[in-house]
Amino acid sequence: MTKQTDSGDFDCASFSAPTEAHKKLKPFVGVFRAEAKLWMGSGEPHVSTGTMTNEWDLGGRYLKQTYVGDPSEGPFPEFQGRGYWGYNTVLDRYEGFWIDTASTFMAMETGQHDEATNVWTMTKTAVNPETGEPMQTRTVITLLDQDSHVTEMFFETPDGGELKGMAITYERVG
């Protein structure tokens, strides 16, 4: 879809300005304590804690995310992560990008916001690290109120179902 001005020129400003969709991310701005549960097979999840700091970047176009895990026992003793989340006005969708110390790949997701439930559902095709085969993942981000939200990640199973692999609760501290 091409946007043009009355003179017929390409209207760059209409694609580059933050929109109402960007403003829906405002409750995520701030400092949050996090409790992460990670299921790595059957049994109880591995539980860790950390701090997520989210701030606007590039004039309110992107939410910049910086996660620092508390030192802990387990598979990721000094976990850190970085990400960006924003709204693509050209493709009319939310997009997210995430990297962390638990992997060497860049995770990119796309999705939509459900106004009625205040839930963002993001999906991506990833590579299953155990098999090397592609698999689908689904991330559900639920805004509970202005000071708390939950992120859950589900992984596609070989039989076409899905399995919850991660759940993180965030509570505002700043």
Protein backbone atom coordinates (compact mmCIF):
# COMPACT_ATOMS: atom_id res chain seq x y z
CA MET A 1 0.00 0.00 0.00
CA THR A 2 1.55 3.27 -1.11
CA LYS A 3 0.67 6.50 0.62
CA GLN A 4 0.99 9.66 -1.41
CA THR A 5 0.58 13.33 -0.69
CA ASP A 6 -1.89 15.50 -2.61
CA SER A 7 0.96 16.36 -5.01
CA GLY A 8 1.50 12.66 -5.74
CA ASP A 9 4.77 12.40 -3.80
CA PHE A 10 5.42 9.50 -1.46
CA ASP A 11 4.32 10.45 2.08
CA CYS A 12 7.20 9.30 4.25
CA ALA A 13 5.79 10.93 7.39
CA SER A 14 2.69 8.73 7.39
CA PHE A 15 4.87 5.63 7.77
CA SER A 16 7.41 7.03 10.21
CA ALA A 17 5.31 8.71 12.90
CA PRO A 18 4.27 6.80 16.06
CA THR A 19 0.58 5.90 16.04
CA GLU A 20 -2.13 4.90 18.51
CA ALA A 21 -0.88 1.31 18.13
CA HIS A 22 2.52 2.40 19.46
CA LYS A 23 0.86 4.13 22.43
CA LYS A 24 -0.70 0.81 23.49
CA LEU A 25 2.82 -0.24 24.57
CA LYS A 26 3.07 2.63 27.11
CA PRO A 27 2.10 0.46 30.15
CA PHE A 28 5.21 -1.63 29.50
CA VAL A 29 7.55 1.37 29.94
CA GLY A 30 9.37 1.26 33.29
CA VAL A 31 11.29 -1.07 35.54
CA PHE A 32 9.76 -4.45 36.41
CA ARG A 33 10.80 -7.31 38.69
CA ALA A 34 10.37 -10.60 36.90
CA GLU A 35 9.86 -14.20 37.93
CA ALA A 36 10.54 -16.60 35.07
CA LYS A 37 9.48 -20.23 34.95
CA LEU A 38 11.15 -22.38 32.32
CA TRP A 39 10.01 -25.93 31.61
CA MET A 40 12.82 -28.06 30.17
CA GLY A 41 11.04 -31.40 30.04
CA SER A 42 8.68 -33.05 32.48
CA GLY A 43 8.54 -32.05 36.11
CA GLU A 44 8.74 -28.75 37.88
CA PRO A 45 9.98 -25.66 36.03
CA HIS A 46 13.31 -23.96 36.64
CA VAL A 47 12.52 -20.64 38.38
CA SER A 48 14.68 -17.54 38.17
CA THR A 49 14.25 -13.84 38.83
CA GLY A 50 15.53 -10.64 37.30
CA THR A 51 14.80 -7.06 36.31
CA MET A 52 13.37 -5.86 33.01
CA THR A 53 13.87 -2.21 32.10
CA ASN A 54 11.77 -0.95 29.19
CA GLU A 55 12.14 2.50 27.67
CA TRP A 56 11.03 4.30 24.55
CA ASP A 57 13.65 4.52 21.83
CA LEU A 58 13.83 6.51 18.60
CA GLY A 59 11.11 8.98 19.47
CA GLY A 60 8.52 6.53 20.78
CA ARG A 61 8.69 4.22 17.78
CA TYR A 62 10.16 1.25 19.65
CA LEU A 63 10.14 -0.15 23.14
CA LYS A 64 13.75 -1.01 24.05
CA GLN A 65 13.98 -3.93 26.50
CA THR A 66 16.93 -4.74 28.75
CA TYR A 67 16.74 -7.80 31.03
CA VAL A 68 19.29 -8.65 33.71
CA GLY A 69 18.78 -11.89 35.58
CA ASP A 70 19.70 -12.27 39.21
CA PRO A 71 22.71 -14.59 39.70
CA SER A 72 21.31 -18.09 40.18
CA GLU A 73 21.97 -21.78 40.06
CA GLY A 74 20.77 -23.60 36.98
CA PRO A 75 21.27 -23.57 33.24
CA PHE A 76 21.66 -19.79 32.83
CA PRO A 77 23.43 -18.45 35.95
CA GLU A 78 24.07 -14.94 34.55
CA PHE A 79 21.19 -14.53 32.12
CA GLN A 80 20.83 -11.30 30.15
CA GLY A 81 18.59 -10.34 27.26
CA ARG A 82 17.89 -7.44 24.92
CA GLY A 83 14.94 -6.74 22.71
CA TYR A 84 12.84 -4.30 20.77
CA TRP A 85 9.10 -4.26 20.34
CA GLY A 86 7.12 -1.96 18.08
CA TYR A 87 4.38 -1.49 15.57
CA ASN A 88 4.96 -1.71 11.82
CA THR A 89 2.62 0.81 10.20
CA VAL A 90 3.31 -0.53 6.70
CA LEU A 91 2.38 -4.15 7.47
CA ASP A 92 -0.15 -3.23 10.20
CA ARG A 93 1.28 -5.54 12.86
CA TYR A 94 3.38 -5.63 16.01
CA GLU A 95 6.94 -6.89 15.63
CA GLY A 96 9.42 -8.01 18.23
CA PHE A 97 13.11 -8.85 18.23
CA TRP A 98 14.94 -10.65 21.07
CA ILE A 99 18.49 -11.87 21.77
CA ASP A 100 19.89 -13.31 25.00
CA THR A 101 22.73 -15.24 26.59
CA ALA A 102 20.78 -18.53 26.46
CA SER A 103 21.10 -18.77 22.67
CA THR A 104 22.99 -17.56 19.62
CA PHE A 105 20.01 -16.83 17.38
CA MET A 106 17.96 -13.70 16.87
CA ALA A 107 14.27 -14.28 17.56
CA MET A 108 11.84 -12.20 15.50
CA GLU A 109 8.08 -12.37 16.08
CA THR A 110 5.04 -10.75 14.54
CA GLY A 111 1.49 -10.46 15.79
CA GLN A 112 -1.59 -8.50 16.75
CA HIS A 113 -3.23 -6.93 19.78
CA ASP A 114 -6.72 -7.96 20.91
CA GLU A 115 -8.36 -4.79 22.21
CA ALA A 116 -11.09 -6.68 24.12
CA THR A 117 -8.66 -8.76 26.21
CA ASN A 118 -5.56 -6.52 26.13
CA VAL A 119 -3.53 -9.49 24.85
CA TRP A 120 -0.79 -9.44 22.24
CA THR A 121 -0.31 -12.73 20.41
CA MET A 122 3.01 -13.03 18.61
CA THR A 123 4.19 -15.94 16.45
CA LYS A 124 7.40 -17.02 14.80
CA THR A 125 8.98 -19.94 13.02
CA ALA A 126 12.05 -21.07 14.92
CA VAL A 127 14.49 -23.95 14.64
CA ASN A 128 14.04 -26.72 17.17
CA PRO A 129 17.52 -26.91 18.79
CA GLU A 130 17.13 -30.64 19.42
CA THR A 131 16.12 -31.67 15.89
CA GLY A 132 17.21 -28.80 13.64
CA GLU A 133 13.69 -28.82 12.15
CA PRO A 134 11.45 -25.76 11.92
CA MET A 135 8.81 -25.33 14.62
CA GLN A 136 6.17 -22.75 15.40
CA THR A 137 6.14 -20.77 18.62
CA ARG A 138 3.43 -18.57 20.06
CA THR A 139 4.02 -15.84 22.64
CA VAL A 140 1.06 -14.45 24.57
CA ILE A 141 1.59 -11.15 26.40
CA THR A 142 -1.26 -10.27 28.74
CA LEU A 143 -1.47 -6.78 30.24
CA LEU A 144 -3.12 -7.38 33.63
CA ASP A 145 -3.07 -3.72 34.70
CA GLN A 146 -0.78 -0.68 34.42
CA ASP A 147 1.75 -2.29 36.78
CA SER A 148 1.80 -5.97 35.86
CA HIS A 149 1.84 -8.25 32.87
CA VAL A 150 2.53 -11.88 31.99
CA THR A 151 4.41 -13.36 29.05
CA GLU A 152 3.85 -17.01 28.14
CA MET A 153 5.62 -18.92 25.38
CA PHE A 154 4.28 -22.06 23.74
CA PHE A 155 6.24 -24.43 21.50
CA GLU A 156 4.86 -26.64 18.76
CA THR A 157 5.11 -30.37 19.54
CA PRO A 158 5.90 -33.06 16.94
CA ASP A 159 2.23 -34.16 16.92
CA GLY A 160 1.05 -30.64 16.00
CA GLY A 161 0.00 -29.63 19.51
CA GLU A 162 1.77 -27.13 21.70
CA LEU A 163 3.53 -27.15 25.04
CA LYS A 164 4.04 -24.25 27.46
CA GLY A 165 7.78 -23.71 27.74
CA MET A 166 8.02 -20.44 29.61
CA ALA A 167 5.98 -18.05 31.76
CA ILE A 168 7.24 -14.74 33.12
CA THR A 169 5.34 -12.48 35.51
CA TYR A 170 6.34 -8.82 35.71
CA GLU A 171 5.55 -6.40 38.54
CA ARG A 172 6.40 -2.69 38.28
CA VAL A 173 9.00 -1.38 40.72
CA GLY A 174 9.81 1.88 38.97
